[in-house]
């Protein structure tokens, strides 16, 4: 999973590469974030072309304020022409997979 800085994320979301994107927001000391990252690694094994990146929220002051990130872990789902969707509850690999799978299908269109 590629890690993006605040500037890279701003460019990716606002100025360039169109298409769906999921951003995993975490902090290094968050135990639940580590569990979520392991679940996302499993999903990436099944869907390696999933448009998923990660960012340490400690280094995203502008984005975390603009997007109003309430807590971590958080997966922000960005689809062109739609409102951002925020996932805060990471109950299972299956639940996360079902929500992220359509992003791969959109990439193929």
Protein backbone atom coordinates (compact mmCIF):
# COMPACT_ATOMS: atom_id res chain seq x y z
CA UNK A 1 0.00 0.00 0.00
CA UNK A 2 1.54 3.28 -1.10
CA UNK A 3 1.94 6.00 1.54
CA UNK A 4 1.17 9.56 0.45
CA UNK A 5 2.18 12.85 2.05
CA UNK A 6 -0.32 15.67 2.42
CA UNK A 7 0.89 17.37 -0.78
CA UNK A 8 0.82 14.12 -2.78
CA UNK A 9 -2.68 13.38 -1.53
CA UNK A 10 -3.94 16.87 -2.40
CA UNK A 11 -2.54 16.54 -5.93
CA UNK A 12 -3.98 13.05 -6.36
CA UNK A 13 -7.45 14.05 -5.16
CA UNK A 14 -7.83 17.59 -6.52
CA UNK A 15 -5.61 18.14 -9.50
CA UNK A 16 -4.96 14.99 -11.29
CA UNK A 17 -5.49 11.34 -11.49
CA UNK A 18 -9.23 11.06 -11.89
CA UNK A 19 -10.97 7.94 -10.82
CA UNK A 20 -12.00 6.37 -7.56
CA UNK A 21 -9.63 6.30 -4.61
CA UNK A 22 -9.70 4.95 -1.06
CA UNK A 23 -7.46 6.61 1.53
CA UNK A 24 -6.64 4.75 4.74
CA UNK A 25 -6.00 7.31 7.51
CA UNK A 26 -4.04 6.05 10.51
CA UNK A 27 -1.61 6.92 13.30
CA UNK A 28 1.43 4.77 14.07
CA UNK A 29 0.53 4.18 17.73
CA UNK A 30 -3.09 3.15 17.08
CA UNK A 31 -3.62 -0.58 17.68
CA UNK A 32 -6.93 -0.66 15.81
CA UNK A 33 -5.19 1.01 12.86
CA UNK A 34 -2.64 -1.82 12.76
CA UNK A 35 -5.45 -4.41 12.70
CA UNK A 36 -7.21 -2.45 9.94
CA UNK A 37 -3.99 -2.27 7.91
CA UNK A 38 -3.64 -6.07 8.15
CA UNK A 39 -7.23 -6.45 6.91
CA UNK A 40 -6.50 -4.07 4.02
CA UNK A 41 -3.36 -6.07 3.14
CA UNK A 42 -5.55 -9.18 2.84
CA UNK A 43 -7.94 -7.29 0.56
CA UNK A 44 -5.02 -6.03 -1.56
CA UNK A 45 -3.87 -9.62 -1.96
CA UNK A 46 -7.28 -10.46 -3.44
CA UNK A 47 -7.60 -7.22 -5.45
CA UNK A 48 -4.06 -5.93 -6.17
CA UNK A 49 -5.32 -3.18 -8.49
CA UNK A 50 -7.54 -1.64 -5.78
CA UNK A 51 -6.95 2.14 -5.78
CA UNK A 52 -5.93 2.28 -2.10
CA UNK A 53 -3.33 4.49 -0.45
CA UNK A 54 -2.52 5.28 3.17
CA UNK A 55 -1.57 8.46 5.01
CA UNK A 56 -0.47 9.19 8.56
CA UNK A 57 -3.03 11.68 9.85
CA UNK A 58 -0.40 13.28 12.11
CA UNK A 59 1.09 14.79 8.94
CA UNK A 60 -2.22 15.82 7.34
CA UNK A 61 -3.40 18.87 9.32
CA UNK A 62 -5.00 20.60 6.33
CA UNK A 63 -6.75 17.52 4.96
CA UNK A 64 -7.92 16.23 8.35
CA UNK A 65 -9.51 19.61 9.04
CA UNK A 66 -11.05 20.06 5.56
CA UNK A 67 -12.42 16.51 5.47
CA UNK A 68 -13.41 16.67 9.17
CA UNK A 69 -11.83 13.34 10.08
CA UNK A 70 -13.42 12.39 13.41
CA UNK A 71 -11.15 9.52 14.43
CA UNK A 72 -8.76 6.85 13.19
CA UNK A 73 -8.75 4.37 11.67
CA UNK A 74 -10.70 5.94 8.84
CA UNK A 75 -11.06 4.93 5.22
CA UNK A 76 -12.11 7.83 3.01
CA UNK A 77 -13.75 6.68 -0.22
CA UNK A 78 -13.51 9.25 -2.99
CA UNK A 79 -15.52 8.68 -6.16
CA UNK A 80 -15.75 11.26 -8.96
CA UNK A 81 -19.03 13.16 -8.87
CA UNK A 82 -20.01 11.85 -5.42
CA UNK A 83 -19.63 13.00 -1.83
CA UNK A 84 -16.72 11.54 0.13
CA UNK A 85 -17.71 8.54 2.21
CA UNK A 86 -16.05 7.91 5.57
CA UNK A 87 -15.70 4.43 7.08
CA UNK A 88 -14.85 4.41 10.79
CA UNK A 89 -16.05 0.93 11.78
CA UNK A 90 -13.75 -1.82 10.55
CA UNK A 91 -15.67 -4.87 11.64
CA UNK A 92 -14.29 -7.49 9.25
CA UNK A 93 -12.32 -8.09 6.08
CA UNK A 94 -15.57 -9.05 4.35
CA UNK A 95 -17.32 -5.80 5.28
CA UNK A 96 -14.41 -3.63 4.09
CA UNK A 97 -13.99 -5.75 0.94
CA UNK A 98 -17.67 -5.37 -0.02
CA UNK A 99 -17.41 -1.59 0.27
CA UNK A 100 -14.11 -1.23 -1.61
CA UNK A 101 -14.72 -3.83 -4.35
CA UNK A 102 -16.81 -1.43 -6.53
CA UNK A 103 -13.77 0.88 -6.77
CA UNK A 104 -11.90 -1.80 -8.73
CA UNK A 105 -14.90 -2.33 -11.01
CA UNK A 106 -15.06 1.43 -11.73
CA UNK A 107 -11.36 1.43 -12.63
CA UNK A 108 -12.02 -1.23 -15.28
CA UNK A 109 -14.78 0.74 -17.02
